[in-house]
Amino acid sequence: MQLGTRIRAVALASAGLFVVAACGGNNSTPSLNLAPAAQQILRVNTGVEPNSFDPTQQTYTYEAAVGRNTFQSLLQPKADLSDVQPAAATKYDVSSDGLTYTFHLQPNAKWSDGKSVTASDWVYGYQHFLNPALAAGYVDPFFDTTIAGAGNYGNVDVSSASAIDSYLSGLGLSAPDANTFVIKLAHPAAYFKWVVTLWVAVPLRKDIVESAAGGTFPSTDTTKAETWANNANTIVGNGPFKISEIASKDHVTMVPNTNYWGGTAKLQQIIYYYISDGNTEFSKYQTGALDIANVPLADVTVVRGDSTLSKQAHLYPQLTAFWMTFNTTKAPFDNAKVRLAFAKSIDRDKLANDVQHGTAKGLASFIPNGMAGYDTSDNNQSFDAAAAKKLLSDAGVTADTLNKYKLLTRNSTGSKTLNQFIVDQWNTNLGLNIQLDVIDSKTVTSRIRKGNFDIYGPDGWGADYPDQQDWMDIFVSGSCHSLNWGCPTLAGYDALVQKADTELSQSQRNADYLTAQKMLIDQAAVAFMYQPYEYDLVASYVNITHTAFDDQFAPGDQNYFTAYITTH
């Protein structure tokens, strides 16, 4: 997702493994040293109150942290993100033509109220999600472009119940029996197994939705369609936890779903607080009011120098990458040599260590560390000031020509600090005198969308799911123009990525995506800069398993079902 528009906001941190266990002791030991049930409480700050507790209508990480624990999708990522693994489905089959996915559901799956989960609940949940009147944030492009019959999603008359009902009934969704859910695709999509891991793609109870609404209602009535999600008593899910308390503007509390097919969680409460100020969050952690907290950038050195806090600090990689964007629709940035010169003239290690206090890692390639496709063998964008100056000379572009261009910058301390470093690098290493163009964030966004900029940054992408398709597709011509990332013309790129998206051989997909990534790097589609990591404090008595795909404010949330508190 484009950062700031979808699930992942920006996090900061540096170096690391794909999976990190954070705990006071060794979580692999046979004896768990569990604290009493009354102490099995995990207190985390997600920063913002969810806009909805209906997972199908959620978009951001702070919402997903609730949704993915109270509801469960068909499949889920493995801890090392190498592939998917069973979740609400025990297994799945794909037809030889890649068009039919058959999911075999957990036979003993139950809702949090004890009623059995059936395949018809899955059909209803997907139809609710794909109702164009509700305009769920994650339908496009993940589901409307893949599921058979869903392609007209954006053109359905949302004022007409009959038009909506006709659209929903024509979707490639079926329940041949109570334990089998079938999804037909419009075209082969080898990445679809990752799409169904998204927390928004879950079953829903039609009887509960309609009862909360006071009876049946037309598909155009979005208010009644969401009434059920406003009350903890009617938020009945199929996940390992259920909501027990909604304290508006303060916190939400989750407790174990004792009817969950996988057993009962060890944690007896998970409390997500909505503390917007990072300094307040840090203070509450220090006083014992929180068990996990993000470290504010200004306090990184404080934590590292503290004999107690430094032992509780963890650097967690995020599946996110940042870069500088050139407007390639006009000279001189329509010239790949000019773009590459700018890319090679930046010392990314110095940026990560000096500007970001070691809470990021330089990245001169596209796919971040922690998922398939991460490859640093192509060093064409790596720092080399001499080679950068030669490229500029070879391009025949003078300093006088380049000095009139500016780096569009959001008026925030972080953006101004980082971008000042960038222009200083360009000016020092290329002999230029480029300046910042600092304006308010809303105007920056407007100008980017209109293509009214010379260079902009930092911009970036965070994984919706750990498959390369989610990354490579954003530089395909149509997507690129909608996102306004400079949009360079890369001969053969679109066709190569579209081929990789549809072919069924994973090894061939990997090879094609690697070639596509090399095209992005070598032609400097953008100047790749760094991968952020988050710097978190986790109390010594908290045992969690972290993956690079977790919510940045709730590390370990993909696996809170197995988390626990040790004696302390």
Protein backbone atom coordinates (compact mmCIF):
# COMPACT_ATOMS: atom_id res chain seq x y z
CA MET A 1 0.00 0.00 0.00
CA GLN A 2 1.11 3.56 -0.63
CA LEU A 3 2.26 4.82 2.72
CA GLY A 4 -0.23 7.06 4.45
CA THR A 5 -3.16 5.82 2.35
CA ARG A 6 -3.60 2.23 3.37
CA ILE A 7 -2.82 -0.10 6.20
CA ARG A 8 0.76 0.71 7.16
CA ALA A 9 1.88 4.08 8.36
CA VAL A 10 5.59 4.82 8.68
CA ALA A 11 7.71 3.11 11.36
CA LEU A 12 11.39 3.58 12.20
CA ALA A 13 14.06 1.05 13.30
CA SER A 14 17.18 -0.98 11.93
CA ALA A 15 18.78 -4.39 11.10
CA GLY A 16 17.37 -7.75 11.73
CA LEU A 17 15.98 -11.15 11.31
CA PHE A 18 12.82 -12.11 9.49
CA VAL A 19 11.28 -13.43 12.68
CA VAL A 20 12.18 -12.16 16.12
CA ALA A 21 11.08 -13.59 19.45
CA ALA A 22 10.83 -10.89 22.09
CA CYS A 23 10.78 -12.10 25.65
CA GLY A 24 12.56 -11.93 28.94
CA GLY A 25 13.66 -15.56 28.91
CA ASN A 26 14.09 -18.23 26.28
CA ASN A 27 10.69 -18.88 24.76
CA SER A 28 11.83 -22.21 23.37
CA THR A 29 12.25 -23.81 26.79
CA PRO A 30 9.77 -26.56 27.73
CA SER A 31 8.70 -24.74 30.92
CA LEU A 32 6.84 -21.56 30.03
CA ASN A 33 6.93 -20.13 33.55
CA LEU A 34 3.40 -18.81 33.02
CA ALA A 35 2.09 -16.06 35.24
CA PRO A 36 -1.29 -16.70 36.90
CA ALA A 37 -4.38 -16.16 34.73
CA ALA A 38 -5.13 -12.87 36.48
CA GLN A 39 -1.81 -11.51 35.20
CA GLN A 40 -2.24 -12.71 31.62
CA ILE A 41 -3.01 -9.18 30.43
CA LEU A 42 -1.23 -7.51 27.51
CA ARG A 43 -1.47 -3.69 27.32
CA VAL A 44 -0.49 -2.14 24.00
CA ASN A 45 -0.94 1.28 22.43
CA THR A 46 -2.22 1.27 18.84
CA GLY A 47 -2.51 5.06 18.81
CA VAL A 48 -5.85 5.53 17.08
CA GLU A 49 -9.40 4.28 17.61
CA PRO A 50 -10.64 2.01 14.79
CA ASN A 51 -13.13 3.58 12.43
CA SER A 52 -15.02 0.29 12.46
CA PHE A 53 -14.92 -3.04 14.25
CA ASP A 54 -16.25 -4.74 11.11
CA PRO A 55 -13.01 -6.19 9.68
CA THR A 56 -14.36 -5.98 6.13
CA GLN A 57 -14.56 -2.20 6.49
CA GLN A 58 -11.13 -1.68 8.03
CA THR A 59 -8.10 -0.21 6.26
CA TYR A 60 -5.33 0.71 8.70
CA THR A 61 -2.93 -1.19 10.95
CA TYR A 62 -4.51 -0.02 14.18
CA GLU A 63 -7.80 -1.48 12.92
CA ALA A 64 -6.25 -4.70 11.64
CA ALA A 65 -4.71 -5.32 15.06
CA VAL A 66 -8.27 -5.84 16.31
CA GLY A 67 -9.79 -7.38 13.20
CA ARG A 68 -7.24 -10.13 12.69
CA ASN A 69 -7.59 -11.28 16.31
CA THR A 70 -11.39 -11.29 16.49
CA PHE A 71 -11.93 -12.80 13.04
CA GLN A 72 -9.85 -15.29 11.06
CA SER A 73 -9.18 -15.47 7.34
CA LEU A 74 -8.93 -18.67 5.32
CA LEU A 75 -5.13 -18.78 5.35
CA GLN A 76 -2.39 -16.93 7.21
CA PRO A 77 1.29 -16.21 6.55
CA LYS A 78 3.87 -18.58 7.97
CA ALA A 79 6.01 -16.98 10.66
CA ASP A 80 8.95 -16.61 8.24
CA LEU A 81 6.58 -15.30 5.51
CA SER A 82 7.86 -17.95 3.10
CA ASP A 83 4.37 -19.18 2.26
CA VAL A 84 0.83 -19.42 3.57
CA GLN A 85 -0.44 -21.95 6.08
CA PRO A 86 -3.88 -23.17 7.23
CA ALA A 87 -6.06 -20.91 9.34
CA ALA A 88 -9.86 -21.07 9.04
CA ALA A 89 -9.29 -23.49 6.15
CA THR A 90 -7.44 -26.75 6.79
CA LYS A 91 -6.23 -26.85 3.19
CA TYR A 92 -7.01 -25.57 -0.28
CA ASP A 93 -6.90 -26.89 -3.84
CA VAL A 94 -6.25 -24.98 -7.04
CA SER A 95 -7.57 -26.23 -10.36
CA SER A 96 -5.07 -26.99 -13.13
CA ASP A 97 -6.07 -23.83 -15.01
CA GLY A 98 -5.54 -21.71 -11.87
CA LEU A 99 -9.11 -20.39 -11.94
CA THR A 100 -10.81 -22.26 -9.10
CA TYR A 101 -9.73 -22.18 -5.45
CA THR A 102 -11.48 -24.71 -3.20
CA PHE A 103 -11.08 -24.13 0.54
CA HIS A 104 -11.78 -26.96 2.97
CA LEU A 105 -12.90 -25.34 6.21
CA GLN A 106 -11.98 -26.31 9.76
CA PRO A 107 -14.69 -28.91 10.57
CA ASN A 108 -15.01 -27.87 14.22
CA ALA A 109 -14.86 -24.09 13.69
CA LYS A 110 -17.29 -22.14 15.84
CA TRP A 111 -18.31 -18.54 16.27
CA SER A 112 -17.61 -16.86 19.57
CA ASP A 113 -21.25 -17.53 20.57
CA GLY A 114 -20.80 -21.28 19.98
CA LYS A 115 -22.62 -21.62 16.67
CA SER A 116 -20.84 -23.56 13.92
CA VAL A 117 -19.14 -21.61 11.13
CA THR A 118 -20.40 -22.74 7.73
CA ALA A 119 -19.38 -22.10 4.15
CA SER A 120 -22.51 -19.98 3.64
CA ASP A 121 -21.14 -17.61 6.30
CA TRP A 122 -18.06 -17.21 4.11
CA VAL A 123 -20.15 -16.46 1.04
CA TYR A 124 -22.12 -13.86 3.00
CA GLY A 125 -18.96 -12.32 4.48
CA TYR A 126 -17.33 -11.91 1.08
CA GLN A 127 -20.56 -10.50 -0.41
CA HIS A 128 -20.85 -8.02 2.45
CA PHE A 129 -17.24 -6.99 1.87
CA LEU A 130 -17.78 -6.63 -1.88
CA ASN A 131 -21.02 -4.64 -1.56
CA PRO A 132 -20.18 -1.54 -3.65
CA ALA A 133 -22.42 0.64 -1.46
CA LEU A 134 -20.11 0.03 1.53
CA ALA A 135 -17.03 1.02 -0.52
CA ALA A 136 -14.62 -1.08 1.57
CA GLY A 137 -11.06 0.18 1.26
CA TYR A 138 -9.43 -3.15 0.39
CA VAL A 139 -11.77 -4.41 -2.35
CA ASP A 140 -9.85 -2.62 -5.07
CA PRO A 141 -7.47 -3.84 -6.43
CA PHE A 142 -7.15 -7.11 -4.54
CA PHE A 143 -10.59 -8.66 -4.93
CA ASP A 144 -12.45 -6.84 -7.71
CA THR A 145 -9.61 -7.55 -10.15
CA THR A 146 -9.32 -11.24 -9.27
CA ILE A 147 -12.69 -12.76 -8.32
CA ALA A 148 -14.89 -13.77 -11.24
CA GLY A 149 -17.79 -11.37 -11.73
CA ALA A 150 -16.27 -8.68 -9.52
CA GLY A 151 -14.69 -6.56 -12.26
CA ASN A 152 -17.63 -4.15 -12.54
CA TYR A 153 -17.34 -3.19 -8.86
CA GLY A 154 -16.65 0.49 -9.51
CA ASN A 155 -19.53 0.88 -11.97
CA VAL A 156 -22.44 -0.55 -9.98
CA ASP A 157 -25.26 1.91 -9.26
CA VAL A 158 -25.02 2.06 -5.45
CA SER A 159 -28.42 3.78 -5.21
CA SER A 160 -30.10 0.70 -6.68
CA ALA A 161 -30.60 -2.34 -4.44
CA SER A 162 -31.45 -4.51 -7.45
CA ALA A 163 -28.22 -3.50 -9.20
CA ILE A 164 -26.18 -4.31 -6.10
CA ASP A 165 -27.97 -7.61 -5.50
CA SER A 166 -27.46 -8.63 -9.12
CA TYR A 167 -23.77 -7.82 -8.87
CA LEU A 168 -23.31 -9.76 -5.62
CA SER A 169 -25.20 -12.82 -6.85
CA GLY A 170 -22.97 -12.92 -9.93
CA LEU A 171 -19.73 -13.17 -7.97
CA GLY A 172 -17.69 -16.37 -8.25
CA LEU A 173 -18.47 -17.44 -4.68
CA SER A 174 -20.21 -20.68 -3.71
CA ALA A 175 -20.72 -23.12 -0.85
CA PRO A 176 -21.27 -26.62 -2.29
CA ASP A 177 -21.53 -27.95 1.26
CA ALA A 178 -21.21 -26.67 4.82
CA ASN A 179 -17.44 -27.21 4.96
CA THR A 180 -16.40 -26.18 1.45
CA PHE A 181 -16.01 -22.62 0.16
CA VAL A 182 -15.21 -22.13 -3.51
CA ILE A 183 -13.89 -18.99 -5.17
CA LYS A 184 -13.66 -18.73 -8.95
CA LEU A 185 -11.24 -16.24 -10.47
CA ALA A 186 -11.53 -14.12 -13.57
CA HIS A 187 -7.97 -15.01 -14.56
CA PRO A 188 -5.09 -17.02 -13.11
CA ALA A 189 -3.51 -15.21 -10.17
CA ALA A 190 -0.82 -17.19 -8.39
CA TYR A 191 -0.76 -14.58 -5.65
CA PHE A 192 -4.43 -15.10 -4.73
CA LYS A 193 -3.43 -17.40 -1.88
CA TRP A 194 -1.95 -14.28 -0.27
CA VAL A 195 -5.00 -12.16 -1.01
CA VAL A 196 -7.19 -14.46 1.11
CA THR A 197 -4.84 -14.00 4.08
CA LEU A 198 -5.95 -10.36 4.36
CA TRP A 199 -7.86 -9.78 7.58
CA VAL A 200 -10.72 -8.11 5.67
CA ALA A 201 -11.68 -11.35 3.90
CA VAL A 202 -13.64 -13.19 6.59
CA PRO A 203 -17.02 -14.80 7.24
CA LEU A 204 -19.91 -12.89 8.77
CA ARG A 205 -23.15 -13.96 10.40
CA LYS A 206 -26.13 -12.84 8.33
CA ASP A 207 -28.55 -13.49 11.20
CA ILE A 208 -26.57 -11.21 13.54
CA VAL A 209 -26.15 -8.44 10.97
CA GLU A 210 -29.88 -8.45 10.23
CA SER A 211 -30.95 -8.80 13.87
CA ALA A 212 -28.82 -5.82 14.90
CA ALA A 213 -30.38 -3.84 12.06
CA GLY A 214 -33.90 -4.70 13.22
CA GLY A 215 -34.61 -7.09 10.38
CA THR A 216 -33.81 -7.44 6.70
CA PHE A 217 -32.76 -4.30 4.89
CA PRO A 218 -31.91 -3.25 1.32
CA SER A 219 -28.29 -3.61 0.24
CA THR A 220 -28.17 0.16 -0.26
CA ASP A 221 -28.63 0.83 3.47
CA THR A 222 -25.04 1.13 4.67
CA THR A 223 -26.02 2.31 8.16
CA LYS A 224 -28.06 -0.79 8.95
CA ALA A 225 -25.43 -2.98 7.34
CA GLU A 226 -22.92 -1.80 9.94
CA THR A 227 -25.08 -1.50 13.08
CA TRP A 228 -23.87 -4.86 14.40
CA ALA A 229 -20.26 -3.62 14.50
CA ASN A 230 -21.01 -0.88 17.05
CA ASN A 231 -21.74 -3.15 20.00
CA ALA A 232 -19.35 -5.64 21.63
CA ASN A 233 -22.28 -8.02 22.22
CA THR A 234 -23.05 -8.31 18.50
CA ILE A 235 -19.46 -8.46 17.24
CA VAL A 236 -19.41 -12.24 16.97
CA GLY A 237 -16.27 -13.50 15.27
CA ASN A 238 -14.48 -16.72 14.39
CA GLY A 239 -11.04 -15.63 15.65
CA PRO A 240 -9.11 -16.55 18.82
CA PHE A 241 -10.34 -13.48 20.73
CA LYS A 242 -13.57 -11.53 21.07
CA ILE A 243 -14.27 -7.94 22.04
CA SER A 244 -15.50 -7.59 25.62
CA GLU A 245 -15.40 -3.81 25.99
CA ILE A 246 -15.40 -0.77 23.72
CA ALA A 247 -14.40 2.37 25.62
CA SER A 248 -14.72 5.05 22.96
CA LYS A 249 -11.72 7.38 22.60
CA ASP A 250 -9.75 5.38 25.19
CA HIS A 251 -9.37 1.64 24.57
CA VAL A 252 -10.82 -1.65 23.39
CA THR A 253 -10.49 -4.88 25.36
CA MET A 254 -10.37 -8.38 23.90
CA VAL A 255 -10.70 -11.68 25.78
CA PRO A 256 -10.30 -15.29 24.62
CA ASN A 257 -12.94 -16.82 22.37
CA THR A 258 -13.41 -20.05 24.32
CA ASN A 259 -15.17 -21.57 21.29
CA TYR A 260 -12.21 -21.02 18.96
CA TRP A 261 -11.38 -24.20 17.03
CA GLY A 262 -7.66 -23.96 17.91
CA GLY A 263 -8.18 -23.90 21.68
CA THR A 264 -8.09 -21.10 24.24
CA ALA A 265 -5.42 -18.41 24.25
CA LYS A 266 -3.15 -18.00 27.27
CA LEU A 267 -3.64 -14.23 27.36
CA GLN A 268 -6.84 -13.44 29.24
CA GLN A 269 -7.03 -9.82 28.11
CA ILE A 270 -5.53 -7.72 25.35
CA ILE A 271 -6.10 -4.01 25.86
CA TYR A 272 -5.41 -1.63 22.96
CA TYR A 273 -5.13 2.00 24.05
CA TYR A 274 -5.56 5.00 21.76
CA ILE A 275 -2.69 7.22 22.93
CA SER A 276 -1.84 9.59 20.10
CA ASP A 277 1.27 11.17 21.61
CA GLY A 278 4.44 9.08 21.39
CA ASN A 279 6.05 10.75 24.39
CA THR A 280 3.02 9.91 26.54
CA GLU A 281 3.19 6.30 25.35
CA PHE A 282 6.90 6.13 26.22
CA SER A 283 6.23 7.56 29.67
CA LYS A 284 3.44 5.07 30.35
CA TYR A 285 5.71 2.19 29.44
CA GLN A 286 8.32 3.46 31.87
CA THR A 287 5.74 3.62 34.67
CA GLY A 288 4.45 0.11 33.92
CA ALA A 289 1.11 1.16 32.43
CA LEU A 290 1.99 -0.39 29.06
CA ASP A 291 3.75 -3.67 28.26
CA ILE A 292 4.86 -2.73 24.73
CA ALA A 293 5.71 0.70 23.32
CA ASN A 294 7.28 2.35 20.30
CA VAL A 295 10.40 4.36 21.13
CA PRO A 296 10.16 7.98 19.90
CA LEU A 297 13.06 8.81 17.59
CA ALA A 298 14.24 11.53 19.99
CA ASP A 299 14.54 8.92 22.78
CA VAL A 300 16.43 6.24 20.88
CA THR A 301 19.77 7.27 22.38
CA VAL A 302 18.17 7.48 25.84
CA VAL A 303 16.95 3.89 25.59
CA ARG A 304 20.27 2.63 24.26
CA GLY A 305 22.07 4.26 27.15
CA ASP A 306 19.75 2.94 29.84
CA SER A 307 20.93 -0.29 31.46
CA THR A 308 17.36 -1.57 31.94
CA LEU A 309 15.50 -0.27 28.89
CA SER A 310 18.26 -1.27 26.48
CA LYS A 311 17.67 -4.91 27.43
CA GLN A 312 13.98 -4.57 26.62
CA ALA A 313 14.53 -2.84 23.27
CA HIS A 314 14.07 -4.67 19.97
CA LEU A 315 14.65 -3.66 16.36
CA TYR A 316 11.91 -5.08 14.17
CA PRO A 317 12.06 -5.01 10.36
CA GLN A 318 9.03 -3.74 8.48
CA LEU A 319 8.02 -4.82 4.98
CA THR A 320 8.37 -1.26 3.79
CA ALA A 321 10.69 0.58 1.41
CA PHE A 322 11.23 4.30 0.78
CA TRP A 323 12.59 6.15 -2.22
CA MET A 324 12.90 9.51 -3.96
CA THR A 325 10.57 10.03 -6.92
CA PHE A 326 11.55 11.86 -10.11
CA ASN A 327 9.06 13.43 -12.50
CA THR A 328 10.14 11.50 -15.58
CA THR A 329 7.52 13.09 -17.79
CA LYS A 330 9.82 16.05 -18.46
CA ALA A 331 13.51 16.76 -18.90
CA PRO A 332 16.00 16.23 -17.42
CA PHE A 333 14.51 13.40 -15.34
CA ASP A 334 13.25 11.63 -18.43
CA ASN A 335 16.92 10.65 -18.84
CA ALA A 336 17.81 7.44 -16.96
CA LYS A 337 21.45 8.54 -16.61
CA VAL A 338 20.40 11.68 -14.74
CA ARG A 339 18.14 9.70 -12.42
CA LEU A 340 20.84 7.11 -11.79
CA ALA A 341 23.37 9.86 -11.03
CA PHE A 342 21.07 11.24 -8.35
CA ALA A 343 20.46 7.73 -6.98
CA LYS A 344 24.18 6.86 -6.77
CA SER A 345 25.18 10.14 -5.11
CA ILE A 346 23.44 9.36 -1.79
CA ASP A 347 25.28 7.65 1.06
CA ARG A 348 22.42 5.54 2.39
CA ASP A 349 24.40 4.16 5.32
CA LYS A 350 25.18 7.68 6.50
CA LEU A 351 21.49 8.55 6.14
CA ALA A 352 20.43 5.54 8.23
CA ASN A 353 23.03 6.01 10.94
CA ASP A 354 23.37 9.78 11.27
CA VAL A 355 19.90 11.07 10.38
CA GLN A 356 17.76 8.14 11.50
CA HIS A 357 19.95 7.20 14.46
CA GLY A 358 20.46 3.65 13.25
CA THR A 359 16.72 3.03 13.04
CA ALA A 360 16.71 2.25 9.33
CA LYS A 361 18.89 0.36 6.89
CA GLY A 362 20.05 1.64 3.52
CA LEU A 363 18.34 -0.09 0.61
CA ALA A 364 19.51 0.37 -2.98
CA SER A 365 17.00 -2.15 -4.31
CA PHE A 366 13.21 -2.49 -4.21
CA ILE A 367 11.96 -5.52 -2.27
CA PRO A 368 12.67 -5.16 1.49
CA ASN A 369 14.50 -7.60 3.70
CA GLY A 370 12.04 -10.11 5.17
CA MET A 371 10.14 -11.40 2.14
CA ALA A 372 10.68 -13.32 -1.08
CA GLY A 373 12.43 -11.23 -3.70
CA TYR A 374 14.86 -9.44 -1.40
CA ASP A 375 18.05 -9.27 -3.43
CA THR A 376 20.95 -6.82 -3.12
CA SER A 377 23.16 -8.29 -5.86
CA ASP A 378 22.40 -5.41 -8.25
CA ASN A 379 24.50 -2.49 -7.00
CA ASN A 380 23.76 -0.04 -9.80
CA GLN A 381 22.16 2.39 -7.35
CA SER A 382 24.76 1.89 -4.61
CA PHE A 383 26.66 4.94 -3.39
CA ASP A 384 29.54 5.96 -5.66
CA ALA A 385 30.06 9.70 -5.90
CA ALA A 386 32.63 9.51 -8.70
CA ALA A 387 30.48 7.25 -10.85
CA ALA A 388 27.49 9.51 -10.18
CA LYS A 389 29.35 12.60 -11.44
CA LYS A 390 30.44 10.72 -14.56
CA LEU A 391 26.85 9.67 -15.30
CA LEU A 392 25.76 13.31 -15.06
CA SER A 393 28.57 14.35 -17.36
CA ASP A 394 27.72 11.59 -19.84
CA ALA A 395 24.12 12.77 -19.83
CA GLY A 396 25.27 16.21 -20.92
CA VAL A 397 23.31 17.99 -18.21
CA THR A 398 24.94 20.96 -16.47
CA ALA A 399 24.69 22.12 -12.88
CA ASP A 400 23.02 25.35 -14.02
CA THR A 401 20.26 23.30 -15.61
CA LEU A 402 19.70 21.16 -12.52
CA ASN A 403 19.93 23.92 -9.90
CA LYS A 404 16.52 25.31 -10.83
CA TYR A 405 14.80 22.10 -9.74
CA LYS A 406 13.61 21.58 -6.17
CA LEU A 407 12.88 18.67 -3.85
CA LEU A 408 9.20 18.82 -2.86
CA THR A 409 9.04 18.35 0.92
CA ARG A 410 6.25 18.04 3.47
CA ASN A 411 6.35 20.61 6.25
CA SER A 412 7.16 18.20 9.05
CA THR A 413 10.32 17.95 11.11
CA GLY A 414 11.07 14.43 9.96
CA SER A 415 10.61 15.15 6.26
CA LYS A 416 12.59 18.39 6.37
CA THR A 417 15.49 16.80 8.26
CA LEU A 418 15.71 13.80 5.96
CA ASN A 419 15.34 15.79 2.75
CA GLN A 420 17.90 18.36 3.81
CA PHE A 421 20.38 15.52 4.13
CA ILE A 422 19.41 14.31 0.64
CA VAL A 423 19.94 17.67 -1.07
CA ASP A 424 23.19 18.17 0.83
CA GLN A 425 24.38 14.85 -0.61
CA TRP A 426 23.37 15.87 -4.13
CA ASN A 427 24.96 19.27 -3.78
CA THR A 428 28.20 17.92 -2.31
CA ASN A 429 28.63 14.85 -4.47
CA LEU A 430 27.31 16.24 -7.77
CA GLY A 431 28.43 19.85 -7.43
CA LEU A 432 24.88 21.21 -7.42
CA ASN A 433 22.85 23.77 -5.50
CA ILE A 434 19.40 22.20 -5.26
CA GLN A 435 17.00 23.56 -2.64
CA LEU A 436 14.01 22.21 -0.72
CA ASP A 437 10.47 23.25 -1.63
CA VAL A 438 8.79 22.98 1.79
CA ILE A 439 5.00 23.34 1.89
CA ASP A 440 2.09 21.93 3.89
CA SER A 441 1.34 18.24 3.56
CA LYS A 442 -2.11 18.66 1.98
CA THR A 443 -0.68 20.81 -0.82
CA VAL A 444 2.16 18.35 -1.35
CA THR A 445 -0.34 15.52 -1.82
CA SER A 446 -2.36 17.61 -4.25
CA ARG A 447 0.72 18.48 -6.30
CA ILE A 448 1.90 14.88 -6.42
CA ARG A 449 -1.47 13.71 -7.72
CA LYS A 450 -1.34 16.35 -10.44
CA GLY A 451 2.25 15.52 -11.34
CA ASN A 452 3.29 19.04 -10.38
CA PHE A 453 6.76 18.39 -8.94
CA ASP A 454 10.39 17.93 -9.97
CA ILE A 455 11.55 15.48 -7.30
CA TYR A 456 9.54 14.29 -4.31
CA GLY A 457 10.33 12.22 -1.26
CA PRO A 458 10.47 10.30 0.78
CA ASP A 459 7.76 8.18 -0.80
CA GLY A 460 7.30 4.49 -0.37
CA TRP A 461 5.32 1.31 -0.20
CA GLY A 462 4.39 -1.13 2.55
CA ALA A 463 3.35 -4.71 1.89
CA ASP A 464 -0.32 -5.59 1.82
CA TYR A 465 0.87 -9.19 1.78
CA PRO A 466 4.38 -10.64 1.27
CA ASP A 467 4.16 -11.51 -2.40
CA GLN A 468 6.18 -9.65 -5.03
CA GLN A 469 3.08 -9.03 -7.14
CA ASP A 470 1.92 -6.54 -4.52
CA TRP A 471 5.12 -4.57 -5.16
CA MET A 472 5.90 -4.97 -8.84
CA ASP A 473 2.39 -4.05 -9.96
CA ILE A 474 2.69 -0.51 -8.61
CA PHE A 475 5.15 0.42 -11.37
CA VAL A 476 3.00 -1.02 -14.15
CA SER A 477 1.96 1.92 -16.33
CA GLY A 478 -1.69 2.20 -15.27
CA SER A 479 -0.97 1.86 -11.55
CA CYS A 480 2.00 4.17 -11.70
CA HIS A 481 0.02 6.97 -13.29
CA SER A 482 -2.71 6.69 -10.65
CA LEU A 483 -0.09 6.88 -7.89
CA ASN A 484 2.02 9.51 -9.69
CA TRP A 485 5.43 8.02 -9.00
CA GLY A 486 7.16 9.79 -11.85
CA CYS A 487 6.04 7.08 -14.25
CA PRO A 488 9.15 6.27 -16.27
CA THR A 489 8.66 4.25 -19.43
CA LEU A 490 10.44 0.93 -18.96
CA ALA A 491 10.28 -1.08 -22.17
CA GLY A 492 8.98 -4.59 -21.50
CA TYR A 493 8.29 -4.04 -17.80
CA ASP A 494 4.49 -4.18 -17.96
CA ALA A 495 4.37 -7.38 -20.00
CA LEU A 496 6.98 -9.10 -17.82
CA VAL A 497 5.17 -8.28 -14.57
CA GLN A 498 1.78 -9.26 -15.96
CA LYS A 499 3.28 -12.59 -17.03
CA ALA A 500 4.72 -13.17 -13.56
CA ASP A 501 1.40 -12.28 -11.94
CA THR A 502 -0.49 -14.99 -13.82
CA GLU A 503 1.96 -17.88 -14.24
CA LEU A 504 1.57 -20.78 -11.84
CA SER A 505 5.23 -21.77 -11.42
CA GLN A 506 6.61 -20.01 -8.35
CA SER A 507 10.20 -20.44 -9.47
CA GLN A 508 9.42 -18.81 -12.82
CA ARG A 509 7.52 -16.03 -11.08
CA ASN A 510 10.56 -15.36 -8.86
CA ALA A 511 12.87 -15.25 -11.87
CA ASP A 512 10.61 -12.84 -13.77
CA TYR A 513 10.12 -10.55 -10.78
CA LEU A 514 13.89 -10.46 -10.23
CA THR A 515 14.34 -9.33 -13.83
CA ALA A 516 11.64 -6.69 -13.34
CA GLN A 517 13.33 -5.45 -10.16
CA LYS A 518 16.62 -5.14 -12.05
CA MET A 519 14.87 -2.94 -14.62
CA LEU A 520 13.62 -0.64 -11.86
CA ILE A 521 17.08 -0.39 -10.30
CA ASP A 522 19.19 -0.08 -13.45
CA GLN A 523 16.96 2.53 -15.07
CA ALA A 524 16.41 4.34 -11.77
CA ALA A 525 12.64 4.32 -12.00
CA VAL A 526 13.03 5.91 -8.56
CA ALA A 527 16.04 6.33 -6.27
CA PHE A 528 15.64 3.57 -3.69
CA MET A 529 16.70 4.78 -0.25
CA TYR A 530 16.05 2.74 2.87
CA GLN A 531 14.00 0.17 4.73
CA PRO A 532 12.56 1.34 8.04
CA TYR A 533 12.63 -0.80 11.15
CA GLU A 534 10.70 -0.12 14.30
CA TYR A 535 12.39 0.30 17.64
CA ASP A 536 10.13 -1.14 20.33
CA LEU A 537 10.24 -1.77 24.02
CA VAL A 538 8.81 -5.10 25.13
CA ALA A 539 8.62 -5.83 28.85
CA SER A 540 10.82 -8.71 29.96
CA TYR A 541 7.80 -10.73 31.10
CA VAL A 542 6.04 -10.56 27.70
CA ASN A 543 6.56 -13.45 25.31
CA ILE A 544 5.62 -12.71 21.70
CA THR A 545 6.71 -13.92 18.29
CA HIS A 546 7.25 -11.07 15.88
CA THR A 547 7.13 -11.16 12.09
CA ALA A 548 8.00 -8.39 9.67
CA PHE A 549 4.31 -8.28 8.76
CA ASP A 550 2.97 -7.32 12.19
CA ASP A 551 1.25 -4.06 13.02
CA GLN A 552 4.05 -1.62 13.72
CA PHE A 553 2.34 -0.44 16.93
CA ALA A 554 1.40 -3.93 18.13
CA PRO A 555 4.43 -6.15 17.42
CA GLY A 556 3.54 -9.83 17.53
CA ASP A 557 -0.15 -9.24 16.81
CA GLN A 558 -0.15 -11.86 14.05
CA ASN A 559 0.53 -14.41 16.79
CA TYR A 560 -1.10 -13.09 19.96
CA PHE A 561 -2.94 -16.39 20.23
CA THR A 562 0.37 -18.00 21.29
CA ALA A 563 1.64 -15.04 23.33
CA TYR A 564 1.78 -15.13 27.12
CA ILE A 565 2.96 -13.37 30.27
CA THR A 566 5.63 -15.00 32.40
CA THR A 567 5.92 -14.82 36.16
CA HIS A 568 7.25 -11.48 37.32
